Protein backbone atom coordinates (compact mmCIF):
# COMPACT_ATOMS: atom_id res chain seq x y z
CA MET A 1 1.38 -6.71 -25.22
CA GLY A 2 4.10 -9.32 -24.69
CA LYS A 3 5.87 -10.69 -21.65
CA ASN A 4 8.66 -8.13 -21.88
CA ASN A 5 6.12 -5.32 -21.73
CA VAL A 6 4.47 -6.91 -18.72
CA LYS A 7 7.86 -7.02 -16.99
CA LEU A 8 8.51 -3.42 -18.00
CA ASN A 9 5.10 -2.37 -16.70
CA TYR A 10 5.82 -4.12 -13.42
CA ILE A 11 9.00 -2.07 -13.09
CA TYR A 12 7.12 1.11 -14.00
CA ASN A 13 4.33 0.40 -11.55
CA LEU A 14 6.78 -0.60 -8.85
CA MET A 15 8.44 2.78 -9.32
CA PHE A 16 5.02 4.46 -9.24
CA GLN A 17 4.08 2.78 -5.97
CA ILE A 18 7.45 3.51 -4.40
CA PHE A 19 7.24 7.15 -5.48
CA SER A 20 3.82 7.26 -3.82
CA MET A 21 5.53 6.24 -0.59
CA ILE A 22 8.82 8.04 -1.15
CA THR A 23 7.83 11.30 0.54
CA PRO A 24 7.13 9.74 3.96
CA LEU A 25 10.07 7.35 3.63
CA ILE A 26 12.70 9.94 2.76
CA THR A 27 11.35 12.53 5.18
CA THR A 28 10.73 10.11 8.06
CA PRO A 29 14.09 10.53 9.88
CA TYR A 30 13.70 14.31 9.68
CA VAL A 31 9.96 14.59 10.36
CA SER A 32 9.97 12.03 13.20
CA ARG A 33 12.47 14.21 15.07
CA VAL A 34 10.85 17.57 14.25
CA LEU A 35 7.24 16.58 14.92
CA SER A 36 7.96 13.98 17.66
CA PRO A 37 5.82 10.86 18.23
CA VAL A 38 2.98 13.12 19.40
CA GLY A 39 2.84 15.11 16.15
CA ILE A 40 3.17 11.97 14.07
CA GLY A 41 0.36 10.40 16.08
CA GLN A 42 -1.91 13.41 15.60
CA TYR A 43 -1.24 13.33 11.88
CA SER A 44 -1.85 9.56 11.73
CA PHE A 45 -5.19 9.79 13.56
CA SER A 46 -6.37 12.73 11.40
CA ALA A 47 -5.29 10.93 8.22
CA SER A 48 -7.27 7.84 9.26
CA ILE A 49 -10.42 9.98 9.57
CA ASN A 50 -9.84 11.70 6.23
CA THR A 51 -9.21 8.38 4.52
CA TYR A 52 -12.80 7.32 5.18
CA PHE A 53 -13.99 10.31 3.15
CA CYS A 54 -11.52 9.47 0.38
CA LEU A 55 -12.76 5.89 0.32
CA LEU A 56 -16.34 7.08 -0.08
CA ALA A 57 -15.26 9.42 -2.87
CA ALA A 58 -13.39 6.61 -4.66
CA LEU A 59 -16.18 4.05 -4.07
CA GLY A 60 -15.00 0.85 -5.82
CA PHE A 61 -13.93 2.58 -9.02
CA SER A 62 -10.21 1.95 -8.58
CA PHE A 63 -10.32 -1.74 -9.54
CA TYR A 64 -13.61 -1.64 -11.44
CA ALA A 65 -12.65 1.19 -13.79
CA GLN A 66 -9.22 -0.29 -14.47
CA ARG A 67 -10.78 -3.63 -15.36
CA GLU A 68 -13.43 -2.11 -17.65
CA VAL A 69 -10.85 -0.02 -19.50
CA ALA A 70 -8.61 -3.09 -19.89
CA LYS A 71 -11.47 -5.04 -21.50
CA THR A 72 -11.84 -2.41 -24.25
CA GLN A 73 -8.17 -2.04 -25.20
CA GLY A 74 -7.97 -1.20 -28.90
CA ASP A 75 -11.50 0.23 -29.13
CA SER A 76 -11.18 4.01 -28.73
CA LYS A 77 -14.92 4.70 -28.89
CA LYS A 78 -15.90 2.19 -26.19
CA GLN A 79 -13.04 3.30 -23.96
CA SER A 80 -14.05 6.93 -24.30
CA VAL A 81 -17.65 6.15 -23.35
CA ILE A 82 -16.53 4.17 -20.29
CA PHE A 83 -14.02 6.87 -19.32
CA TRP A 84 -16.51 9.76 -19.35
CA GLU A 85 -19.21 7.74 -17.61
CA ILE A 86 -16.89 6.80 -14.78
CA VAL A 87 -15.44 10.32 -14.53
CA ILE A 88 -18.95 11.77 -14.17
CA CYS A 89 -19.68 9.30 -11.36
CA LYS A 90 -16.37 10.02 -9.59
CA ILE A 91 -16.64 13.81 -9.74
CA GLY A 92 -20.29 13.84 -8.67
CA LEU A 93 -19.64 11.49 -5.78
CA GLY A 94 -16.47 13.34 -4.77
CA PHE A 95 -18.32 16.68 -4.62
CA LEU A 96 -21.02 15.14 -2.40
CA VAL A 97 -18.48 13.60 0.00
CA PHE A 98 -16.50 16.86 0.17
CA ILE A 99 -19.65 18.75 1.23
CA ILE A 100 -20.45 16.12 3.88
CA SER A 101 -16.92 16.32 5.30
CA TRP A 102 -17.13 20.11 5.66
CA ILE A 103 -20.55 19.90 7.31
CA LEU A 104 -18.98 17.62 9.94
CA ILE A 105 -15.97 19.92 10.25
CA PHE A 106 -18.12 23.02 10.85
CA SER A 107 -20.25 21.12 13.38
CA GLY A 108 -17.11 20.59 15.49
CA GLN A 109 -17.02 16.78 15.32
CA PHE A 110 -13.22 16.50 15.17
CA GLY A 111 -12.13 18.57 18.15
CA GLU A 112 -8.39 19.30 18.32
CA TYR A 113 -7.83 17.53 14.98
CA THR A 114 -10.13 19.91 13.03
CA VAL A 115 -7.37 21.99 11.40
CA LEU A 116 -5.53 18.93 10.12
CA ILE A 117 -8.70 17.34 8.73
CA LYS A 118 -9.61 20.63 6.98
CA ILE A 119 -6.26 20.62 5.21
CA MET A 120 -6.44 16.93 4.36
CA SER A 121 -9.83 17.41 2.68
CA LEU A 122 -7.84 18.48 -0.40
CA GLU A 123 -7.23 14.76 -0.93
CA ILE A 124 -10.96 14.18 -1.37
CA ILE A 125 -10.88 16.46 -4.41
CA GLY A 126 -7.77 14.66 -5.66
CA THR A 127 -9.55 11.31 -5.30
CA ALA A 128 -12.50 12.53 -7.36
CA LEU A 129 -10.24 13.85 -10.13
CA ASN A 130 -7.86 10.88 -10.22
CA ILE A 131 -7.95 9.23 -13.67
CA SER A 132 -4.94 6.93 -13.30
CA PHE A 133 -7.34 4.02 -13.89
CA PHE A 134 -7.40 4.90 -17.60
CA PHE A 135 -3.62 4.63 -18.03
CA GLN A 136 -3.36 1.54 -15.82
CA GLY A 137 -6.17 -0.18 -17.75
CA ASN A 138 -4.24 0.47 -20.97
CA GLU A 139 -1.05 -0.85 -19.33
CA ASN A 140 0.60 2.54 -19.80
CA PHE A 141 2.61 2.98 -16.60
CA GLY A 142 5.63 4.92 -17.84
CA LEU A 143 3.72 8.19 -18.10
CA ILE A 144 2.36 7.86 -14.57
CA VAL A 145 5.83 7.23 -13.17
CA LEU A 146 7.42 10.30 -14.76
CA ARG A 147 4.64 12.61 -13.61
CA ASP A 148 4.57 11.16 -10.12
CA PHE A 149 8.33 11.40 -9.70
CA ILE A 150 8.42 15.12 -10.45
CA ILE A 151 5.52 15.95 -8.15
CA ARG A 152 6.70 13.77 -5.25
CA VAL A 153 10.21 15.21 -5.35
CA THR A 154 8.72 18.72 -5.24
CA GLY A 155 6.67 17.71 -2.19
CA ILE A 156 9.77 16.38 -0.45
CA VAL A 157 11.62 19.64 -1.05
CA PHE A 158 8.73 21.67 0.37
CA ILE A 159 8.66 19.56 3.54
CA PHE A 160 12.37 20.08 4.20
CA VAL A 161 12.10 23.81 3.46
CA PHE A 162 8.94 24.70 5.42
CA VAL A 163 8.52 22.13 8.23
CA LYS A 164 10.94 23.28 10.93
CA GLN A 165 9.22 22.69 14.30
CA GLN A 166 6.36 20.78 15.92
CA SER A 167 3.96 23.68 15.37
CA ASP A 168 4.49 23.23 11.62
CA LEU A 169 2.43 20.04 11.67
CA TRP A 170 -0.28 21.75 9.59
CA LEU A 171 2.34 22.61 6.94
CA TYR A 172 3.41 18.97 6.80
CA ALA A 173 -0.23 17.98 6.25
CA PHE A 174 -0.63 20.63 3.56
CA CYS A 175 2.48 19.52 1.66
CA ASN A 176 1.26 15.91 1.55
CA SER A 177 -2.36 16.74 0.67
CA ALA A 178 -1.49 19.35 -1.96
CA THR A 179 0.95 16.90 -3.56
CA ALA A 180 -1.83 14.29 -3.85
CA LEU A 181 -4.19 16.84 -5.42
CA ILE A 182 -1.65 18.16 -7.94
CA SER A 183 -0.70 14.58 -8.83
CA ALA A 184 -4.32 13.80 -9.73
CA ILE A 185 -4.86 16.99 -11.73
CA SER A 186 -1.65 16.60 -13.75
CA LEU A 187 -2.83 13.41 -15.50
CA TRP A 188 -5.62 15.31 -17.24
CA PHE A 189 -3.01 17.07 -19.38
CA CYS A 190 -1.93 13.66 -20.73
CA LEU A 191 -5.32 12.72 -22.21
CA ARG A 192 -4.87 14.52 -25.52
CA LYS A 193 -5.60 12.24 -28.53
CA LYS A 194 -6.35 9.33 -26.17
CA ILE A 195 -10.00 10.10 -25.46
CA ARG A 196 -12.78 11.09 -27.85
CA ARG A 197 -15.51 13.60 -27.22
CA ILE A 198 -18.77 11.81 -26.55
CA LYS A 199 -22.26 13.30 -26.67
CA LEU A 200 -24.07 13.38 -23.34
CA ASN A 201 -27.02 11.40 -24.73
CA GLU A 202 -24.63 8.51 -25.45
CA LEU A 203 -23.57 8.28 -21.81
CA ASN A 204 -25.17 6.26 -19.02
CA PRO A 205 -23.01 6.84 -15.91
CA LEU A 206 -25.43 5.21 -13.47
CA ARG A 207 -24.85 1.75 -14.99
CA HIS A 208 -21.44 1.69 -13.31
CA LEU A 209 -22.64 2.40 -9.79
CA ILE A 210 -23.88 -1.06 -8.78
CA PRO A 211 -20.76 -2.94 -10.02
CA SER A 212 -18.57 -0.34 -8.35
CA ILE A 213 -20.47 -0.62 -5.07
CA LYS A 214 -19.85 -4.38 -5.11
CA LEU A 215 -16.12 -3.68 -5.16
CA PHE A 216 -16.58 -0.89 -2.62
CA ILE A 217 -17.66 -3.42 0.01
CA PRO A 218 -14.26 -5.19 0.11
CA THR A 219 -12.54 -1.79 -0.16
CA ILE A 220 -14.28 -0.62 3.01
CA ALA A 221 -13.59 -3.98 4.62
CA ILE A 222 -9.88 -3.75 3.80
CA SER A 223 -9.81 -0.28 5.35
CA ILE A 224 -10.99 -1.77 8.63
CA TYR A 225 -7.59 -3.27 9.23
CA THR A 226 -5.48 -0.71 7.40
CA ILE A 227 -7.09 2.47 8.73
CA LEU A 228 -9.52 1.71 11.56
CA ASP A 229 -6.68 0.46 13.74
CA LYS A 230 -5.28 4.01 13.95
CA THR A 231 -8.74 5.42 14.61
CA LEU A 232 -9.38 2.91 17.40
CA ILE A 233 -5.97 3.57 18.96
CA GLY A 234 -7.00 7.22 19.16
CA ILE A 235 -10.40 6.33 20.66
CA LEU A 236 -9.72 3.34 22.91
CA ILE A 237 -6.50 4.44 24.64
CA PRO A 238 -7.34 6.94 27.38
CA GLY A 239 -5.19 9.16 29.55
CA THR A 240 -2.08 11.27 29.25
CA VAL A 241 1.58 10.74 29.96
CA GLU A 242 4.38 13.15 30.82
CA ILE A 243 7.24 13.21 28.31
CA GLN A 244 10.13 15.48 27.41
CA GLY A 245 9.11 17.83 24.61
CA VAL A 246 11.27 18.92 21.68
CA ASP A 247 12.28 22.03 23.67
CA GLY A 248 13.47 19.91 26.60
CA LEU A 249 10.54 20.75 28.90
CA ILE A 250 8.30 18.10 30.47
CA VAL A 251 4.85 18.19 28.90
CA SER A 252 1.67 16.16 29.26
CA GLU A 253 0.52 14.50 26.04
CA ARG A 254 -2.22 12.06 25.09
CA LEU A 255 -0.97 8.48 25.33
CA ALA A 256 -3.09 7.65 22.26
CA ASP A 257 -1.14 10.15 20.14
CA ILE A 258 2.20 8.69 21.23
CA GLU A 259 1.07 5.12 20.54
CA ASN A 260 -0.34 6.17 17.17
CA GLY A 261 2.96 7.84 16.31
CA MET A 262 4.99 4.68 16.94
CA TYR A 263 2.38 2.52 15.21
CA ALA A 264 2.35 4.74 12.12
CA GLN A 265 6.13 4.80 11.78
CA SER A 266 6.55 1.04 12.03
CA GLU A 267 3.65 0.41 9.64
CA LYS A 268 5.25 2.81 7.16
CA ILE A 269 8.32 0.55 6.83
CA ILE A 270 6.19 -2.55 6.27
CA LYS A 271 4.04 -0.79 3.68
CA ILE A 272 7.14 -0.11 1.60
CA CYS A 273 7.81 -3.85 1.47
CA MET A 274 4.18 -4.64 0.68
CA THR A 275 4.18 -2.02 -2.07
CA VAL A 276 6.84 -3.96 -3.97
CA ILE A 277 4.60 -7.02 -4.03
CA ALA A 278 1.34 -5.14 -4.63
CA SER A 279 2.83 -3.52 -7.73
CA LEU A 280 2.68 -6.86 -9.52
CA GLY A 281 -1.05 -7.09 -8.81
CA THR A 282 -1.76 -3.69 -10.35
CA VAL A 283 0.08 -4.69 -13.52
CA MET A 284 -1.28 -8.22 -13.79
CA MET A 285 -4.94 -7.45 -13.05
CA PRO A 286 -5.64 -5.86 -16.47
CA ARG A 287 -3.38 -8.46 -18.10
CA ASN A 288 -5.33 -11.35 -16.54
CA ALA A 289 -8.69 -9.71 -17.30
CA LYS A 290 -7.64 -9.52 -20.95
CA GLU A 291 -6.41 -13.15 -20.97
CA LEU A 292 -9.76 -14.34 -19.62
CA SER A 293 -11.77 -12.21 -22.06
CA ASN A 294 -9.75 -13.83 -24.87
CA GLY A 295 -10.37 -17.32 -23.48
CA ASN A 296 -6.72 -17.97 -22.55
CA GLU A 297 -7.31 -19.97 -19.36
CA ASP A 298 -3.90 -21.67 -19.45
CA ASN A 299 -2.06 -18.35 -19.60
CA PHE A 300 -4.23 -17.08 -16.76
CA ARG A 301 -3.36 -20.03 -14.51
CA ARG A 302 0.31 -19.77 -15.44
CA ASN A 303 0.30 -16.09 -14.46
CA ILE A 304 -1.24 -16.88 -11.07
CA ASN A 305 1.30 -19.59 -10.24
CA LYS A 306 4.20 -17.38 -11.34
CA ALA A 307 2.84 -14.54 -9.20
CA ILE A 308 2.70 -16.79 -6.12
CA GLU A 309 6.31 -17.82 -6.72
CA PHE A 310 7.25 -14.16 -6.95
CA VAL A 311 5.50 -13.35 -3.66
CA LEU A 312 7.38 -16.05 -1.78
CA PHE A 313 10.69 -15.28 -3.50
CA ILE A 314 10.50 -11.57 -2.61
CA GLY A 315 8.28 -11.60 0.48
CA ALA A 316 10.12 -14.21 2.54
CA PRO A 317 13.49 -12.39 2.58
CA MET A 318 11.67 -9.09 3.27
CA TRP A 319 10.11 -10.62 6.38
CA ALA A 320 13.44 -12.06 7.49
CA GLY A 321 15.38 -8.89 6.76
CA ILE A 322 13.03 -6.44 8.50
CA THR A 323 12.90 -8.50 11.69
CA ALA A 324 16.64 -9.12 11.73
CA ILE A 325 17.68 -5.45 11.39
CA SER A 326 14.80 -3.78 13.28
CA PHE A 327 16.71 -3.08 16.52
CA ASN A 328 19.69 -1.71 14.61
CA LEU A 329 17.57 0.40 12.23
CA SER A 330 15.05 2.06 14.54
CA PRO A 331 17.25 4.17 16.89
CA TRP A 332 19.13 6.08 14.19
CA PHE A 333 16.30 6.16 11.63
CA PHE A 334 13.46 7.43 13.83
CA GLY A 335 15.35 9.09 16.68
CA ASP A 336 14.39 9.27 20.36
CA GLY A 337 10.95 8.37 21.65
CA TYR A 338 10.26 5.44 19.33
CA ASP A 339 11.40 2.60 21.59
CA LYS A 340 8.43 0.37 20.75
CA VAL A 341 8.95 0.51 16.97
CA PRO A 342 11.32 -2.54 16.71
CA TYR A 343 8.78 -4.74 18.52
CA LEU A 344 6.00 -3.48 16.27
CA LEU A 345 8.16 -4.24 13.23
CA TRP A 346 8.56 -7.83 14.41
CA VAL A 347 4.79 -8.23 14.53
CA PHE A 348 4.01 -6.29 11.34
CA ALA A 349 6.62 -8.14 9.26
CA ILE A 350 4.62 -11.36 9.63
CA MET A 351 1.90 -9.92 7.40
CA ILE A 352 4.14 -9.36 4.35
CA ILE A 353 3.69 -12.84 2.88
CA PRO A 354 -0.06 -13.23 3.66
CA ALA A 355 -0.70 -9.77 2.20
CA GLY A 356 1.20 -10.73 -0.96
CA LEU A 357 -0.74 -13.96 -1.37
CA GLY A 358 -3.99 -12.09 -0.76
CA ASN A 359 -3.00 -9.66 -3.50
CA VAL A 360 -2.42 -12.47 -5.98
CA LEU A 361 -5.56 -14.42 -5.16
CA GLY A 362 -7.74 -11.33 -4.89
CA GLN A 363 -6.61 -8.75 -7.44
CA GLN A 364 -5.08 -11.21 -9.90
CA TYR A 365 -7.52 -14.13 -9.59
CA LEU A 366 -10.97 -13.22 -8.20
CA ILE A 367 -11.36 -9.72 -9.70
CA PRO A 368 -10.28 -10.63 -13.28
CA LYS A 369 -12.66 -13.60 -13.13
CA GLY A 370 -15.47 -11.23 -12.16
CA GLU A 371 -15.97 -12.95 -8.79
CA ASP A 372 -16.41 -9.64 -6.98
CA SER A 373 -18.89 -11.05 -4.46
CA LYS A 374 -16.35 -13.64 -3.25
CA TYR A 375 -13.72 -10.92 -3.02
CA ALA A 376 -16.16 -8.92 -0.88
CA ILE A 377 -16.96 -11.89 1.36
CA VAL A 378 -13.27 -12.42 2.12
CA TYR A 379 -12.59 -8.89 3.27
CA VAL A 380 -15.86 -8.46 5.13
CA ALA A 381 -14.94 -11.54 7.18
CA CYS A 382 -11.43 -10.17 7.76
CA ALA A 383 -12.82 -6.76 8.72
CA VAL A 384 -15.19 -8.19 11.30
CA LEU A 385 -12.40 -10.29 12.82
CA ASN A 386 -10.02 -7.33 12.85
CA PHE A 387 -12.53 -5.00 14.49
CA VAL A 388 -13.33 -7.50 17.24
CA LEU A 389 -9.65 -8.18 17.91
CA ASN A 390 -8.83 -4.46 17.97
CA VAL A 391 -11.54 -3.78 20.54
CA LEU A 392 -10.30 -6.68 22.68
CA LEU A 393 -6.54 -6.11 22.40
CA ILE A 394 -5.94 -2.34 22.15
CA PRO A 395 -7.09 -1.42 25.71
CA SER A 396 -4.63 -3.91 27.24
CA PHE A 397 -1.76 -4.05 24.73
CA LEU A 398 -2.06 -0.60 23.10
CA SER A 399 -0.42 -0.35 19.66
CA LEU A 400 0.99 -3.89 19.89
CA GLY A 401 -2.57 -5.17 20.24
CA ALA A 402 -3.60 -3.32 17.08
CA ALA A 403 -0.61 -4.78 15.20
CA VAL A 404 -1.47 -8.34 16.28
CA ALA A 405 -5.10 -7.81 15.20
CA SER A 406 -3.99 -6.59 11.76
CA VAL A 407 -1.67 -9.57 11.24
CA ILE A 408 -4.30 -12.16 12.20
CA ALA A 409 -6.89 -10.56 9.92
CA GLU A 410 -4.38 -10.37 7.06
CA MET A 411 -3.65 -14.10 7.41
CA LEU A 412 -7.33 -14.97 7.18
CA ALA A 413 -7.73 -13.37 3.72
CA PRO A 414 -5.52 -15.72 1.64
CA ALA A 415 -6.80 -18.70 3.63
CA ILE A 416 -10.38 -18.04 2.49
CA MET A 417 -9.28 -17.12 -1.04
CA LEU A 418 -7.43 -20.42 -1.39
CA CYS A 419 -10.73 -22.18 -0.72
CA PHE A 420 -12.37 -20.20 -3.54
CA ALA A 421 -9.44 -20.83 -5.91
CA ARG A 422 -8.85 -24.49 -4.98
CA LYS A 423 -9.62 -25.74 -8.52
CA ASN A 424 -6.73 -23.77 -9.98
CA VAL A 425 -4.41 -23.20 -7.01
CA HIS A 426 -3.31 -26.04 -4.74
CA ILE A 427 -1.69 -25.60 -1.33
CA ALA A 428 0.50 -28.68 -1.86
CA ASP A 429 1.90 -27.17 -5.07
CA ILE A 430 2.59 -23.87 -3.33
CA VAL A 431 4.60 -25.62 -0.62
CA LYS A 432 6.38 -27.90 -3.08
CA ASN A 433 7.40 -25.07 -5.43
CA ASN A 434 8.27 -22.43 -2.85
CA TRP A 435 9.90 -24.01 0.23
CA LYS A 436 13.39 -23.12 -1.00
CA PRO A 437 13.14 -19.31 -0.74
CA VAL A 438 11.39 -19.62 2.62
CA LEU A 439 14.11 -21.85 4.08
CA SER A 440 16.78 -19.58 2.57
CA SER A 441 15.15 -16.63 4.30
CA VAL A 442 15.12 -18.40 7.67
CA VAL A 443 18.85 -19.09 7.35
CA MET A 444 19.41 -15.45 6.38
CA PHE A 445 17.45 -14.24 9.42
CA CYS A 446 19.43 -16.39 11.85
CA VAL A 447 22.79 -15.16 10.58
CA VAL A 448 21.86 -11.48 10.28
CA PHE A 449 20.09 -11.33 13.64
CA PHE A 450 23.09 -12.97 15.35
CA THR A 451 25.45 -10.48 13.68
CA SER A 452 23.29 -7.51 14.72
CA LYS A 453 23.86 -8.39 18.38
CA PHE A 454 27.48 -7.28 18.01
CA LEU A 455 26.85 -4.02 16.12
CA ASN A 456 25.72 -0.68 17.51
CA PRO A 457 22.75 1.04 15.80
CA SER A 458 24.07 3.22 12.96
CA ILE A 459 23.53 3.86 9.26
CA SER A 460 26.72 2.06 8.26
CA ASN A 461 25.98 -0.99 10.42
CA THR A 462 22.39 -1.27 9.11
CA ILE A 463 23.69 -1.13 5.54
CA LEU A 464 26.27 -3.78 6.43
CA LEU A 465 23.54 -6.05 7.82
CA ILE A 466 21.40 -5.55 4.71
CA LEU A 467 24.30 -6.43 2.40
CA GLU A 468 25.07 -9.49 4.51
CA GLY A 469 21.44 -10.62 4.29
CA VAL A 470 21.24 -10.10 0.52
CA LEU A 471 24.46 -12.05 -0.02
CA ILE A 472 23.37 -14.96 2.17
CA TYR A 473 19.95 -15.14 0.50
CA ILE A 474 21.43 -15.13 -3.01
CA ILE A 475 23.90 -17.87 -2.09
CA MET A 476 21.18 -20.01 -0.50
CA VAL A 477 18.65 -19.80 -3.36
CA LEU A 478 21.38 -20.60 -5.87
CA LEU A 479 22.52 -23.58 -3.81
CA PHE A 480 18.93 -24.79 -3.64
CA HIS A 481 18.54 -24.24 -7.42
CA CYS A 482 15.46 -22.07 -6.87
CA ASN A 483 13.47 -21.70 -10.11
CA ILE A 484 13.08 -17.93 -10.09
CA ALA A 485 16.73 -17.47 -9.10
CA LYS A 486 17.77 -19.60 -12.09
CA GLU A 487 15.49 -17.60 -14.41
CA VAL A 488 17.00 -14.32 -13.22
CA LEU A 489 20.54 -15.71 -13.57
CA ASN A 490 19.86 -16.96 -17.09
CA ALA A 491 18.32 -13.62 -18.05
CA VAL A 492 21.44 -11.81 -16.85
CA LYS A 493 23.69 -14.22 -18.75
CA ASN A 494 21.66 -13.75 -21.95
CA LYS A 495 21.85 -9.98 -21.62
CA CYS A 496 25.61 -10.14 -21.20
CA LEU A 497 26.02 -12.47 -24.19
CA ASN A 498 23.82 -10.26 -26.36
CA LYS A 499 25.92 -7.22 -25.51
CA LYS A 500 29.07 -9.06 -26.51
């Protein structure tokens, strides 16, 4: 598969990742008002609990299975054997985890969040049945995008139709969980003529467990600072606070739920930005695994350096843009009761670039090279640091403390990975090749933030600020003769000339 197909797959996977986030993004202005920060916080805490079950059901098969399928591209028999072995493992493990979750539910371990966690358990089944690894390993992203688009749009429609008041929180949870389950099931209808039937005596599913567990360790570690923060906010913040409810009456609500609501909404915006960058890792991981299996070390190193350039070229203006427009965006986008969100966005935005670099050095460098143990070490260290910081900061600084802990842990990951990759990736080269987009982004931030001081929060003014930022950034990178900017400009020129 050539460079053009890699670029096309990046676009496909970017669309896939965005569609995965599109339901909460499109529905956020509506849902944040209907459910209030309290409802959003209850949903966020329940989702964090359910995610642990989904992680156990997935084990480390997400990356492992994709890599193994990628290694056998072109060999239908070997791919079929690997596919059925991994599917058997996933379904067996998923069934076990589902039973465990319901034992805990019936024993009353989740208190007032029981109903939501019951509904969300549908996602455990979806995790067990998810076979997207097969299509990703074969670099076939177009099919996934089309299927996901249809299902996600349907989910969005259901939310707008059925979720009308705060008591409909369970319906909101059902729409999201059912969408995830249907999305997983639908891919099975696309397997025709792609997978062979294999006799059971030719299969050895257990051989995949140990390698998958090795990748499960960093997966659990990563969850510490992407999920545990919401769990700890719910546990470590005591007390209640009186607020005005959606019906105008003063009600007493858990402070933890309110803080979780604001934390979840601000994190949602940052995850959209990080999704754009992470999409490249999903596409390039099977590509780099194939390059290494074919002995193409030079192409592998070239891919890594290009990916780092991409992260800085895209990530730096994202950081600058989010922080510059946060106070103009939040009031009209989220509605009343989310006053802390702009401050959380300022903190969260810092992690965009470190997360992107961690994606490149982890998913695109360490995993394709088979250095799973190093990948695990990195995220175990980050998880321990994040947990300690959460315990120390959340009681005093609430959701802001959790955000600071996440950012610090996220910055540690690429720092350690750079030590592991120092023979092929040099910090001096990163700075030398990428200072231009970073400086351009700083200039963009200064101008946009200054302009925002004179504009009231509104949709039109936020759009105006975004357009201003994009224009300034484009002008700056072109003035600096940024490499990626020149490549994009030349590509556009060539396209135009070819059409003529």
